[in-house]
Amino acid sequence: MPQVDDRRTRRTRSALRRALVELSLERGYANLRVDEISERADVGRATFYAHFRDKQALYDDVVAALLAELKERLTPEVRETGGFTGRPLVALFQHALDNRDAYRVVLRGDGDGRALTRLRDDLSEATLRTFERRVEEQGLEPRLDLRVVARAWVGEQVAVLTWWLEEEAAPIPLEEVAGMLADLSRFGRMWATGVDPTGASSSE
């Protein structure tokens, strides 16, 4: 019996998460009512409240599940050694593509922006730990505060990811857009715009 109940619980919670995401994209999170979410998930209001206190608790659960899965995907990649490979970027963009609708809700700042802040904070903390490990392993002396570097790097990822997911069809293939971000991180904006270190245009 417990296994049956566990499966039923997982199915119900999954249906409620899916309903919240779908309706948020259709009507906006702020406009949703619990009875609408329950109806879309094909469960009763009593069942909803047996699992979640309110729609914010359900949204928090959507975000927690999303970030837990993202962490699982990223963990093997952020342990990389031997320099910057860009693999965590590919893993992030692939996870976002696999969960496109949920990411779109989060990246739009629905639910008073807490979910977006949490995503940025989690990614920034993981990035900072990776940078600190590389610095220690390679005996480097950072030129800038690594907290600033990590936040700036994550900000670029989130900005590009938001634009990339909101298009009807991905405007640039996954590996290509991740590669562009990786090159931007490696070589900088001046290089990306065609300016060489001497200040001359690359076309000259």
N, C-alpha and C. Protein backbone atom coordinates (compact mmCIF):
# COMPACT_ATOMS: atom_id res chain seq x y z
N MET A 1 0.80 -1.22 0.00
CA MET A 1 0.00 0.00 0.00
C MET A 1 0.84 1.29 0.00
N PRO A 2 1.90 1.38 0.84
CA PRO A 2 2.71 2.60 0.82
C PRO A 2 3.26 2.94 -0.56
N GLN A 3 3.70 1.90 -1.33
CA GLN A 3 4.24 2.17 -2.66
C GLN A 3 3.17 2.76 -3.57
N VAL A 4 1.94 2.23 -3.47
CA VAL A 4 0.83 2.74 -4.27
C VAL A 4 0.56 4.20 -3.89
N ASP A 5 0.55 4.46 -2.57
CA ASP A 5 0.32 5.83 -2.11
C ASP A 5 1.43 6.77 -2.58
N ASP A 6 2.67 6.29 -2.54
CA ASP A 6 3.79 7.11 -2.99
C ASP A 6 3.66 7.45 -4.47
N ARG A 7 3.30 6.47 -5.26
CA ARG A 7 3.13 6.71 -6.70
C ARG A 7 1.99 7.70 -6.94
N ARG A 8 0.89 7.52 -6.20
CA ARG A 8 -0.25 8.43 -6.34
C ARG A 8 0.14 9.85 -5.94
N THR A 9 0.91 9.96 -4.88
CA THR A 9 1.36 11.28 -4.43
C THR A 9 2.24 11.94 -5.48
N ARG A 10 3.18 11.17 -6.04
CA ARG A 10 4.07 11.72 -7.07
C ARG A 10 3.27 12.16 -8.29
N ARG A 11 2.30 11.34 -8.70
CA ARG A 11 1.48 11.71 -9.86
C ARG A 11 0.68 12.98 -9.60
N THR A 12 0.09 13.07 -8.41
CA THR A 12 -0.72 14.24 -8.08
C THR A 12 0.12 15.50 -8.04
N ARG A 13 1.26 15.44 -7.37
CA ARG A 13 2.12 16.61 -7.27
C ARG A 13 2.66 17.01 -8.63
N SER A 14 2.98 16.02 -9.45
CA SER A 14 3.46 16.30 -10.80
C SER A 14 2.37 16.98 -11.63
N ALA A 15 1.14 16.50 -11.51
CA ALA A 15 0.02 17.09 -12.25
C ALA A 15 -0.23 18.53 -11.80
N LEU A 16 -0.12 18.79 -10.51
CA LEU A 16 -0.32 20.14 -10.00
C LEU A 16 0.80 21.07 -10.45
N ARG A 17 2.03 20.59 -10.44
CA ARG A 17 3.14 21.42 -10.94
C ARG A 17 2.91 21.79 -12.40
N ARG A 18 2.57 20.77 -13.20
CA ARG A 18 2.37 20.99 -14.62
C ARG A 18 1.22 21.99 -14.85
N ALA A 19 0.14 21.86 -14.08
CA ALA A 19 -1.00 22.76 -14.22
C ALA A 19 -0.61 24.19 -13.89
N LEU A 20 0.16 24.38 -12.83
CA LEU A 20 0.59 25.72 -12.44
C LEU A 20 1.42 26.36 -13.55
N VAL A 21 2.36 25.61 -14.10
CA VAL A 21 3.23 26.15 -15.14
C VAL A 21 2.41 26.50 -16.38
N GLU A 22 1.56 25.59 -16.81
CA GLU A 22 0.76 25.83 -18.01
C GLU A 22 -0.11 27.07 -17.86
N LEU A 23 -0.80 27.16 -16.74
CA LEU A 23 -1.71 28.28 -16.52
C LEU A 23 -0.97 29.59 -16.32
N SER A 24 0.20 29.53 -15.72
CA SER A 24 1.00 30.75 -15.54
C SER A 24 1.39 31.34 -16.89
N LEU A 25 1.77 30.47 -17.83
CA LEU A 25 2.13 30.94 -19.16
C LEU A 25 0.92 31.44 -19.93
N GLU A 26 -0.23 30.84 -19.67
CA GLU A 26 -1.45 31.23 -20.39
C GLU A 26 -2.06 32.52 -19.83
N ARG A 27 -2.10 32.64 -18.50
CA ARG A 27 -2.86 33.73 -17.89
C ARG A 27 -2.06 34.62 -16.95
N GLY A 28 -0.86 34.19 -16.62
CA GLY A 28 -0.08 34.94 -15.65
C GLY A 28 -0.27 34.38 -14.25
N TYR A 29 0.82 34.18 -13.55
CA TYR A 29 0.77 33.57 -12.22
C TYR A 29 -0.11 34.36 -11.25
N ALA A 30 -0.02 35.67 -11.28
CA ALA A 30 -0.76 36.50 -10.32
C ALA A 30 -2.26 36.33 -10.43
N ASN A 31 -2.74 35.93 -11.60
CA ASN A 31 -4.19 35.83 -11.83
C ASN A 31 -4.76 34.46 -11.48
N LEU A 32 -3.93 33.51 -11.10
CA LEU A 32 -4.40 32.15 -10.90
C LEU A 32 -5.08 31.96 -9.55
N ARG A 33 -6.08 31.07 -9.55
CA ARG A 33 -6.74 30.66 -8.32
C ARG A 33 -6.51 29.15 -8.13
N VAL A 34 -6.58 28.73 -6.88
CA VAL A 34 -6.35 27.32 -6.56
C VAL A 34 -7.35 26.42 -7.28
N ASP A 35 -8.61 26.85 -7.36
CA ASP A 35 -9.60 25.99 -8.02
C ASP A 35 -9.30 25.80 -9.50
N GLU A 36 -8.71 26.82 -10.16
CA GLU A 36 -8.33 26.69 -11.56
C GLU A 36 -7.17 25.70 -11.72
N ILE A 37 -6.21 25.79 -10.82
CA ILE A 37 -5.08 24.86 -10.87
C ILE A 37 -5.55 23.44 -10.63
N SER A 38 -6.43 23.26 -9.65
CA SER A 38 -6.96 21.93 -9.33
C SER A 38 -7.74 21.35 -10.51
N GLU A 39 -8.54 22.19 -11.13
CA GLU A 39 -9.33 21.73 -12.27
C GLU A 39 -8.43 21.31 -13.43
N ARG A 40 -7.40 22.10 -13.72
CA ARG A 40 -6.48 21.74 -14.80
C ARG A 40 -5.74 20.44 -14.48
N ALA A 41 -5.40 20.23 -13.22
CA ALA A 41 -4.69 19.01 -12.82
C ALA A 41 -5.64 17.82 -12.63
N ASP A 42 -6.94 18.09 -12.73
CA ASP A 42 -7.97 17.05 -12.56
C ASP A 42 -7.94 16.44 -11.16
N VAL A 43 -7.82 17.31 -10.17
CA VAL A 43 -7.90 16.88 -8.77
C VAL A 43 -8.84 17.85 -8.05
N GLY A 44 -9.36 17.44 -6.89
CA GLY A 44 -10.24 18.30 -6.12
C GLY A 44 -9.47 19.31 -5.28
N ARG A 45 -10.17 20.36 -4.85
CA ARG A 45 -9.53 21.37 -3.99
C ARG A 45 -8.97 20.75 -2.72
N ALA A 46 -9.73 19.79 -2.17
CA ALA A 46 -9.27 19.14 -0.93
C ALA A 46 -7.95 18.42 -1.17
N THR A 47 -7.82 17.81 -2.36
CA THR A 47 -6.58 17.12 -2.69
C THR A 47 -5.44 18.12 -2.81
N PHE A 48 -5.72 19.26 -3.45
CA PHE A 48 -4.70 20.30 -3.55
C PHE A 48 -4.18 20.67 -2.16
N TYR A 49 -5.11 20.98 -1.25
CA TYR A 49 -4.71 21.43 0.08
C TYR A 49 -4.11 20.32 0.94
N ALA A 50 -4.31 19.10 0.52
CA ALA A 50 -3.64 17.99 1.22
C ALA A 50 -2.15 17.98 0.91
N HIS A 51 -1.77 18.61 -0.20
CA HIS A 51 -0.37 18.62 -0.63
C HIS A 51 0.30 19.98 -0.45
N PHE A 52 -0.46 21.06 -0.65
CA PHE A 52 0.13 22.39 -0.62
C PHE A 52 -0.75 23.37 0.14
N ARG A 53 -0.10 24.29 0.86
CA ARG A 53 -0.83 25.28 1.65
C ARG A 53 -1.58 26.26 0.76
N ASP A 54 -0.93 26.67 -0.34
CA ASP A 54 -1.51 27.63 -1.27
C ASP A 54 -0.74 27.56 -2.58
N LYS A 55 -1.06 28.43 -3.52
CA LYS A 55 -0.41 28.35 -4.83
C LYS A 55 1.06 28.74 -4.74
N GLN A 56 1.42 29.60 -3.78
CA GLN A 56 2.83 29.95 -3.61
C GLN A 56 3.64 28.75 -3.16
N ALA A 57 3.06 27.95 -2.27
CA ALA A 57 3.75 26.74 -1.82
C ALA A 57 3.94 25.77 -2.99
N LEU A 58 2.94 25.70 -3.87
CA LEU A 58 3.06 24.86 -5.06
C LEU A 58 4.16 25.40 -5.97
N TYR A 59 4.18 26.71 -6.18
CA TYR A 59 5.21 27.31 -7.03
C TYR A 59 6.60 27.08 -6.44
N ASP A 60 6.72 27.21 -5.11
CA ASP A 60 8.00 26.94 -4.46
C ASP A 60 8.44 25.50 -4.70
N ASP A 61 7.48 24.59 -4.74
CA ASP A 61 7.78 23.18 -4.99
C ASP A 61 8.25 22.98 -6.43
N VAL A 62 7.63 23.68 -7.37
CA VAL A 62 8.06 23.63 -8.77
C VAL A 62 9.53 24.06 -8.87
N VAL A 63 9.86 25.16 -8.22
CA VAL A 63 11.21 25.70 -8.28
C VAL A 63 12.20 24.77 -7.59
N ALA A 64 11.83 24.24 -6.43
CA ALA A 64 12.71 23.34 -5.69
C ALA A 64 13.03 22.10 -6.51
N ALA A 65 12.01 21.53 -7.15
CA ALA A 65 12.22 20.34 -7.98
C ALA A 65 13.11 20.66 -9.17
N LEU A 66 12.89 21.83 -9.78
CA LEU A 66 13.68 22.24 -10.94
C LEU A 66 15.14 22.42 -10.57
N LEU A 67 15.40 23.10 -9.46
CA LEU A 67 16.78 23.38 -9.06
C LEU A 67 17.49 22.12 -8.57
N ALA A 68 16.75 21.21 -7.93
CA ALA A 68 17.37 19.96 -7.49
C ALA A 68 17.82 19.14 -8.69
N GLU A 69 17.00 19.11 -9.72
CA GLU A 69 17.36 18.36 -10.93
C GLU A 69 18.52 19.04 -11.66
N LEU A 70 18.50 20.38 -11.68
CA LEU A 70 19.60 21.11 -12.32
C LEU A 70 20.92 20.84 -11.59
N LYS A 71 20.90 20.85 -10.27
CA LYS A 71 22.10 20.57 -9.50
C LYS A 71 22.64 19.18 -9.81
N GLU A 72 21.75 18.22 -9.95
CA GLU A 72 22.15 16.85 -10.28
C GLU A 72 22.81 16.80 -11.65
N ARG A 73 22.29 17.57 -12.58
CA ARG A 73 22.87 17.61 -13.93
C ARG A 73 24.23 18.29 -13.94
N LEU A 74 24.35 19.37 -13.15
CA LEU A 74 25.57 20.18 -13.19
C LEU A 74 26.71 19.61 -12.38
N THR A 75 26.41 18.87 -11.33
CA THR A 75 27.46 18.40 -10.42
C THR A 75 28.61 17.70 -11.12
N PRO A 76 28.36 16.73 -12.02
CA PRO A 76 29.51 16.09 -12.68
C PRO A 76 30.31 17.05 -13.54
N GLU A 77 29.64 18.08 -14.10
CA GLU A 77 30.31 18.99 -15.02
C GLU A 77 31.16 20.02 -14.29
N VAL A 78 30.70 20.50 -13.14
CA VAL A 78 31.46 21.54 -12.44
C VAL A 78 32.68 20.97 -11.73
N ARG A 79 32.81 19.66 -11.71
CA ARG A 79 34.01 19.04 -11.15
C ARG A 79 35.13 18.92 -12.17
N GLU A 80 34.91 19.48 -13.34
CA GLU A 80 35.89 19.40 -14.41
C GLU A 80 37.24 19.96 -13.97
N THR A 81 38.29 19.42 -14.49
CA THR A 81 39.63 19.92 -14.23
C THR A 81 40.31 20.20 -15.57
N GLY A 82 41.45 20.86 -15.52
CA GLY A 82 42.19 21.11 -16.74
C GLY A 82 41.70 22.30 -17.53
N GLY A 83 41.05 23.27 -16.85
CA GLY A 83 40.64 24.48 -17.54
C GLY A 83 39.16 24.54 -17.83
N PHE A 84 38.78 25.60 -18.51
CA PHE A 84 37.38 25.89 -18.78
C PHE A 84 36.94 25.14 -20.03
N THR A 85 36.00 24.20 -19.87
CA THR A 85 35.53 23.42 -21.01
C THR A 85 34.21 23.91 -21.57
N GLY A 86 33.41 24.60 -20.76
CA GLY A 86 32.10 25.04 -21.21
C GLY A 86 31.02 23.99 -21.06
N ARG A 87 31.36 22.81 -20.56
CA ARG A 87 30.35 21.75 -20.43
C ARG A 87 29.21 22.10 -19.49
N PRO A 88 29.47 22.78 -18.35
CA PRO A 88 28.34 23.17 -17.50
C PRO A 88 27.32 24.06 -18.23
N LEU A 89 27.81 24.91 -19.13
CA LEU A 89 26.90 25.75 -19.92
C LEU A 89 25.96 24.91 -20.77
N VAL A 90 26.52 23.91 -21.43
CA VAL A 90 25.71 23.03 -22.27
C VAL A 90 24.69 22.30 -21.40
N ALA A 91 25.12 21.84 -20.22
CA ALA A 91 24.21 21.13 -19.32
C ALA A 91 23.07 22.04 -18.87
N LEU A 92 23.39 23.30 -18.54
CA LEU A 92 22.36 24.25 -18.13
C LEU A 92 21.36 24.50 -19.25
N PHE A 93 21.85 24.79 -20.43
CA PHE A 93 20.94 25.07 -21.55
C PHE A 93 20.13 23.85 -21.94
N GLN A 94 20.72 22.67 -21.84
CA GLN A 94 19.96 21.45 -22.15
C GLN A 94 18.86 21.23 -21.12
N HIS A 95 19.18 21.44 -19.85
CA HIS A 95 18.16 21.29 -18.80
C HIS A 95 17.04 22.30 -19.00
N ALA A 96 17.39 23.53 -19.36
CA ALA A 96 16.37 24.54 -19.60
C ALA A 96 15.50 24.17 -20.79
N LEU A 97 16.11 23.61 -21.82
CA LEU A 97 15.34 23.19 -22.99
C LEU A 97 14.41 22.04 -22.64
N ASP A 98 14.89 21.12 -21.81
CA ASP A 98 14.07 19.97 -21.40
C ASP A 98 12.91 20.40 -20.50
N ASN A 99 13.06 21.55 -19.84
CA ASN A 99 12.03 22.06 -18.92
C ASN A 99 11.65 23.48 -19.31
N ARG A 100 11.47 23.69 -20.59
CA ARG A 100 11.34 25.03 -21.15
C ARG A 100 10.25 25.86 -20.48
N ASP A 101 9.05 25.30 -20.32
CA ASP A 101 7.94 26.08 -19.78
C ASP A 101 8.19 26.49 -18.34
N ALA A 102 8.70 25.58 -17.52
CA ALA A 102 8.99 25.92 -16.12
C ALA A 102 10.05 27.01 -16.03
N TYR A 103 11.09 26.91 -16.86
CA TYR A 103 12.12 27.95 -16.87
C TYR A 103 11.55 29.29 -17.31
N ARG A 104 10.68 29.28 -18.28
CA ARG A 104 10.09 30.54 -18.76
C ARG A 104 9.32 31.24 -17.65
N VAL A 105 8.58 30.47 -16.86
CA VAL A 105 7.84 31.06 -15.74
C VAL A 105 8.81 31.66 -14.72
N VAL A 106 9.85 30.91 -14.39
CA VAL A 106 10.83 31.40 -13.42
C VAL A 106 11.56 32.63 -13.94
N LEU A 107 12.03 32.57 -15.18
CA LEU A 107 12.84 33.65 -15.74
C LEU A 107 12.04 34.93 -15.96
N ARG A 108 10.71 34.81 -16.06
CA ARG A 108 9.87 36.00 -16.19
C ARG A 108 9.71 36.72 -14.85
N GLY A 109 10.14 36.08 -13.77
CA GLY A 109 10.03 36.70 -12.46
C GLY A 109 8.70 36.51 -11.79
N ASP A 110 7.89 35.56 -12.27
CA ASP A 110 6.59 35.30 -11.64
C ASP A 110 6.77 34.92 -10.18
N GLY A 111 5.73 35.17 -9.39
CA GLY A 111 5.80 34.84 -7.98
C GLY A 111 6.68 35.79 -7.21
N ASP A 112 6.61 37.07 -7.46
CA ASP A 112 7.34 38.18 -6.84
C ASP A 112 8.85 38.11 -7.04
N GLY A 113 9.27 37.32 -8.01
CA GLY A 113 10.69 37.29 -8.37
C GLY A 113 11.56 36.43 -7.49
N ARG A 114 11.00 35.81 -6.45
CA ARG A 114 11.82 35.01 -5.54
C ARG A 114 12.47 33.82 -6.23
N ALA A 115 11.72 33.20 -7.15
CA ALA A 115 12.25 32.02 -7.84
C ALA A 115 13.44 32.40 -8.72
N LEU A 116 13.33 33.53 -9.42
CA LEU A 116 14.43 33.99 -10.27
C LEU A 116 15.65 34.33 -9.42
N THR A 117 15.40 34.96 -8.29
CA THR A 117 16.51 35.28 -7.37
C THR A 117 17.18 34.00 -6.88
N ARG A 118 16.38 33.01 -6.55
CA ARG A 118 16.95 31.75 -6.07
C ARG A 118 17.77 31.06 -7.15
N LEU A 119 17.26 31.08 -8.39
CA LEU A 119 18.01 30.49 -9.50
C LEU A 119 19.35 31.19 -9.65
N ARG A 120 19.34 32.51 -9.67
CA ARG A 120 20.59 33.27 -9.80
C ARG A 120 21.53 32.98 -8.64
N ASP A 121 20.98 32.95 -7.42
CA ASP A 121 21.82 32.72 -6.24
C ASP A 121 22.46 31.33 -6.28
N ASP A 122 21.67 30.32 -6.61
CA ASP A 122 22.19 28.95 -6.66
C ASP A 122 23.28 28.82 -7.72
N LEU A 123 23.03 29.37 -8.91
CA LEU A 123 24.02 29.31 -9.98
C LEU A 123 25.27 30.10 -9.62
N SER A 124 25.09 31.25 -8.98
CA SER A 124 26.24 32.08 -8.61
C SER A 124 27.10 31.39 -7.56
N GLU A 125 26.46 30.74 -6.60
CA GLU A 125 27.21 30.05 -5.55
C GLU A 125 28.00 28.88 -6.14
N ALA A 126 27.36 28.11 -7.03
CA ALA A 126 28.05 26.98 -7.67
C ALA A 126 29.21 27.48 -8.53
N THR A 127 28.98 28.58 -9.24
CA THR A 127 30.02 29.16 -10.09
C THR A 127 31.19 29.66 -9.26
N LEU A 128 30.88 30.33 -8.15
CA LEU A 128 31.93 30.85 -7.28
C LEU A 128 32.80 29.71 -6.74
N ARG A 129 32.17 28.63 -6.32
CA ARG A 129 32.93 27.48 -5.81
C ARG A 129 33.84 26.90 -6.89
N THR A 130 33.33 26.86 -8.12
CA THR A 130 34.13 26.34 -9.24
C THR A 130 35.33 27.25 -9.49
N PHE A 131 35.10 28.57 -9.54
CA PHE A 131 36.19 29.51 -9.76
C PHE A 131 37.23 29.42 -8.65
N GLU A 132 36.78 29.34 -7.42
CA GLU A 132 37.71 29.26 -6.29
C GLU A 132 38.56 27.99 -6.36
N ARG A 133 37.93 26.90 -6.77
CA ARG A 133 38.68 25.64 -6.88
C ARG A 133 39.73 25.72 -7.97
N ARG A 134 39.39 26.32 -9.10
CA ARG A 134 40.35 26.46 -10.20
C ARG A 134 41.53 27.34 -9.80
N VAL A 135 41.21 28.43 -9.10
CA VAL A 135 42.27 29.34 -8.64
C VAL A 135 43.23 28.60 -7.73
N GLU A 136 42.70 27.83 -6.80
CA GLU A 136 43.54 27.10 -5.86
C GLU A 136 44.36 26.02 -6.56
N GLU A 137 43.71 25.25 -7.43
CA GLU A 137 44.39 24.14 -8.11
C GLU A 137 45.51 24.64 -9.02
N GLN A 138 45.29 25.80 -9.67
CA GLN A 138 46.26 26.29 -10.64
C GLN A 138 47.19 27.37 -10.08
N GLY A 139 47.05 27.68 -8.78
CA GLY A 139 47.91 28.66 -8.15
C GLY A 139 47.79 30.05 -8.76
N LEU A 140 46.57 30.45 -9.07
CA LEU A 140 46.34 31.73 -9.73
C LEU A 140 46.09 32.84 -8.72
N GLU A 141 46.25 34.08 -9.17
CA GLU A 141 45.95 35.26 -8.36
C GLU A 141 44.86 36.04 -9.08
N PRO A 142 43.62 35.96 -8.61
CA PRO A 142 42.52 36.65 -9.30
C PRO A 142 42.74 38.15 -9.39
N ARG A 143 42.40 38.73 -10.53
CA ARG A 143 42.54 40.17 -10.72
C ARG A 143 41.32 40.93 -10.19
N LEU A 144 40.18 40.22 -10.09
CA LEU A 144 38.94 40.82 -9.59
C LEU A 144 38.36 39.93 -8.50
N ASP A 145 37.49 40.49 -7.70
CA ASP A 145 36.79 39.73 -6.67
C ASP A 145 35.97 38.63 -7.36
N LEU A 146 36.19 37.40 -6.98
CA LEU A 146 35.54 36.27 -7.65
C LEU A 146 34.02 36.29 -7.46
N ARG A 147 33.55 36.92 -6.39
CA ARG A 147 32.10 37.03 -6.21
C ARG A 147 31.49 37.88 -7.32
N VAL A 148 32.19 38.93 -7.70
CA VAL A 148 31.72 39.79 -8.79
C VAL A 148 31.79 39.04 -10.11
N VAL A 149 32.88 38.33 -10.32
CA VAL A 149 33.05 37.58 -11.57
C VAL A 149 31.95 36.53 -11.71
N ALA A 150 31.68 35.82 -10.62
CA ALA A 150 30.66 34.76 -10.66
C ALA A 150 29.28 35.35 -10.96
N ARG A 151 28.94 36.46 -10.29
CA ARG A 151 27.63 37.08 -10.50
C ARG A 151 27.49 37.62 -11.93
N ALA A 152 28.56 38.22 -12.44
CA ALA A 152 28.52 38.74 -13.80
C ALA A 152 28.35 37.61 -14.82
N TRP A 153 29.06 36.52 -14.59
CA TRP A 153 28.99 35.37 -15.49
C TRP A 153 27.60 34.77 -15.50
N VAL A 154 27.00 34.61 -14.32
CA VAL A 154 25.65 34.06 -14.23
C VAL A 154 24.63 35.03 -14.83
N GLY A 155 24.84 36.33 -14.62
CA GLY A 155 23.93 37.31 -15.21
C GLY A 155 23.89 37.21 -16.73
N GLU A 156 25.03 37.00 -17.35
CA GLU A 156 25.08 36.84 -18.80
C GLU A 156 24.33 35.58 -19.23
N GLN A 157 24.55 34.50 -18.49
CA GLN A 157 23.87 33.24 -18.82
C GLN A 157 22.35 33.40 -18.74
N VAL A 158 21.88 33.99 -17.64
CA VAL A 158 20.44 34.14 -17.42
C VAL A 158 19.82 35.04 -18.48
N ALA A 159 20.50 36.12 -18.84
CA ALA A 159 19.98 37.04 -19.85
C ALA A 159 19.84 36.36 -21.21
N VAL A 160 20.87 35.64 -21.61
CA VAL A 160 20.83 34.94 -22.90
C VAL A 160 19.82 33.81 -22.86
N LEU A 161 19.79 33.09 -21.75
CA LEU A 161 18.85 31.97 -21.61
C LEU A 161 17.40 32.44 -21.70
N THR A 162 17.10 33.57 -21.08
CA THR A 162 15.74 34.12 -21.13
C THR A 162 15.33 34.42 -22.57
N TRP A 163 16.20 35.12 -23.29
CA TRP A 163 15.92 35.44 -24.70
C TRP A 163 15.79 34.17 -25.52
N TRP A 164 16.69 33.23 -25.32
CA TRP A 164 16.74 32.00 -26.11
C TRP A 164 15.48 31.16 -25.94
N LEU A 165 14.97 31.08 -24.70
CA LEU A 165 13.79 30.25 -24.43
C LEU A 165 12.49 30.92 -24.85
N GLU A 166 12.46 32.24 -24.89
CA GLU A 166 11.21 32.93 -25.21
C GLU A 166 10.91 32.94 -26.70
N GLU A 167 11.90 32.65 -27.51
CA GLU A 167 11.65 32.56 -28.96
C GLU A 167 10.84 31.29 -29.24
N GLU A 168 9.99 31.35 -30.26
CA GLU A 168 9.17 30.19 -30.61
C GLU A 168 10.04 28.98 -30.93
N ALA A 169 11.07 29.21 -31.70
CA ALA A 169 12.06 28.17 -31.97
C ALA A 169 13.41 28.74 -31.56
N ALA A 170 14.25 27.90 -30.96
CA ALA A 170 15.55 28.38 -30.49
C ALA A 170 16.25 29.11 -31.63
N PRO A 171 16.59 30.41 -31.45
CA PRO A 171 17.18 31.20 -32.55
C PRO A 171 18.58 30.73 -32.93
N ILE A 172 19.26 30.07 -32.02
CA ILE A 172 20.60 29.55 -32.26
C ILE A 172 20.66 28.16 -31.65
N PRO A 173 21.24 27.18 -32.34
CA PRO A 173 21.32 25.82 -31.77
C PRO A 173 22.00 25.81 -30.40
N LEU A 174 21.58 24.88 -29.57
CA LEU A 174 22.02 24.82 -28.17
C LEU A 174 23.54 24.87 -28.04
N GLU A 175 24.23 23.97 -28.69
CA GLU A 175 25.68 23.89 -28.53
C GLU A 175 26.35 25.15 -29.05
N GLU A 176 25.74 25.76 -30.06
CA GLU A 176 26.33 26.97 -30.63
C GLU A 176 26.20 28.16 -29.69
N VAL A 177 25.01 28.35 -29.09
CA VAL A 177 24.83 29.48 -28.19
C VAL A 177 25.66 29.29 -26.92
N ALA A 178 25.75 28.06 -26.44
CA ALA A 178 26.61 27.79 -25.27
C ALA A 178 28.07 28.05 -25.60
N GLY A 179 28.47 27.69 -26.82
CA GLY A 179 29.84 27.93 -27.25
C GLY A 179 30.16 29.41 -27.35
N MET A 180 29.17 30.19 -27.83
CA MET A 180 29.38 31.64 -27.91
C MET A 180 29.58 32.24 -26.53
N LEU A 181 28.76 31.82 -25.57
CA LEU A 181 28.91 32.32 -24.21
C LEU A 181 30.26 31.92 -23.62
N ALA A 182 30.69 30.70 -23.91
CA ALA A 182 31.98 30.23 -23.42
C ALA A 182 33.11 31.07 -24.02
N ASP A 183 33.03 31.35 -25.32
CA ASP A 183 34.07 32.17 -25.97
C ASP A 183 34.05 33.60 -25.42
N LEU A 184 32.85 34.12 -25.15
CA LEU A 184 32.75 35.46 -24.57
C LEU A 184 33.44 35.50 -23.22
N SER A 185 33.27 34.43 -22.44
CA SER A 185 33.93 34.35 -21.14
C SER A 185 35.44 34.23 -21.28
N ARG A 186 35.88 33.46 -22.25
CA ARG A 186 37.32 33.24 -22.44
C ARG A 186 38.03 34.50 -22.93
N PHE A 187 37.44 35.16 -23.93
CA PHE A 187 38.17 36.20 -24.66
C PHE A 187 37.67 37.62 -24.43
N GLY A 188 36.46 37.78 -23.91
CA GLY A 188 35.96 39.10 -23.57
C GLY A 188 35.15 39.78 -24.66
N ARG A 189 34.53 40.90 -24.29
CA ARG A 189 33.63 41.60 -25.21
C ARG A 189 34.37 42.29 -26.35
N MET A 190 35.54 42.83 -26.07
CA MET A 190 36.28 43.50 -27.14
C MET A 190 36.60 42.52 -28.25
N TRP A 191 37.08 41.33 -27.85
CA TRP A 191 37.36 40.29 -28.86
C TRP A 191 36.09 39.94 -29.61
N ALA A 192 34.97 39.78 -28.87
CA ALA A 192 33.71 39.35 -29.49
C ALA A 192 33.21 40.34 -30.53
N THR A 193 33.48 41.63 -30.32
CA THR A 193 33.01 42.64 -31.27
C THR A 193 34.01 42.92 -32.38
N GLY A 194 35.12 42.17 -32.38
CA GLY A 194 36.07 42.29 -33.48
C GLY A 194 37.23 43.21 -33.21
N VAL A 195 37.36 43.71 -31.97
CA VAL A 195 38.46 44.61 -31.64
C VAL A 195 39.61 43.78 -31.07
N ASP A 196 40.82 44.01 -31.58
CA ASP A 196 41.96 43.27 -31.06
C ASP A 196 42.59 44.03 -29.90
N PRO A 197 43.51 43.41 -29.16
CA PRO A 197 44.08 44.06 -27.96
C PRO A 197 44.76 45.39 -28.24
N THR A 198 45.20 45.65 -29.48
CA THR A 198 45.87 46.91 -29.80
C THR A 198 44.87 48.02 -30.10
N GLY A 199 43.58 47.64 -30.20
CA GLY A 199 42.56 48.62 -30.51
C GLY A 199 42.20 48.71 -31.97
N ALA A 200 42.88 47.91 -32.80
CA ALA A 200 42.59 47.91 -34.23
C ALA A 200 41.43 46.97 -34.54
N SER A 201 40.64 47.27 -35.53
CA SER A 201 39.55 46.40 -35.94
C SER A 201 40.10 45.14 -36.54
N SER A 202 39.39 44.00 -36.30
CA SER A 202 39.84 42.75 -36.87
C SER A 202 39.78 42.71 -38.37
N SER A 203 39.03 43.66 -38.96
CA SER A 203 38.91 43.69 -40.42
C SER A 203 40.07 44.45 -41.06
N GLU A 204 40.85 45.13 -40.21
CA GLU A 204 41.96 45.92 -40.78
C GLU A 204 43.16 45.03 -41.09
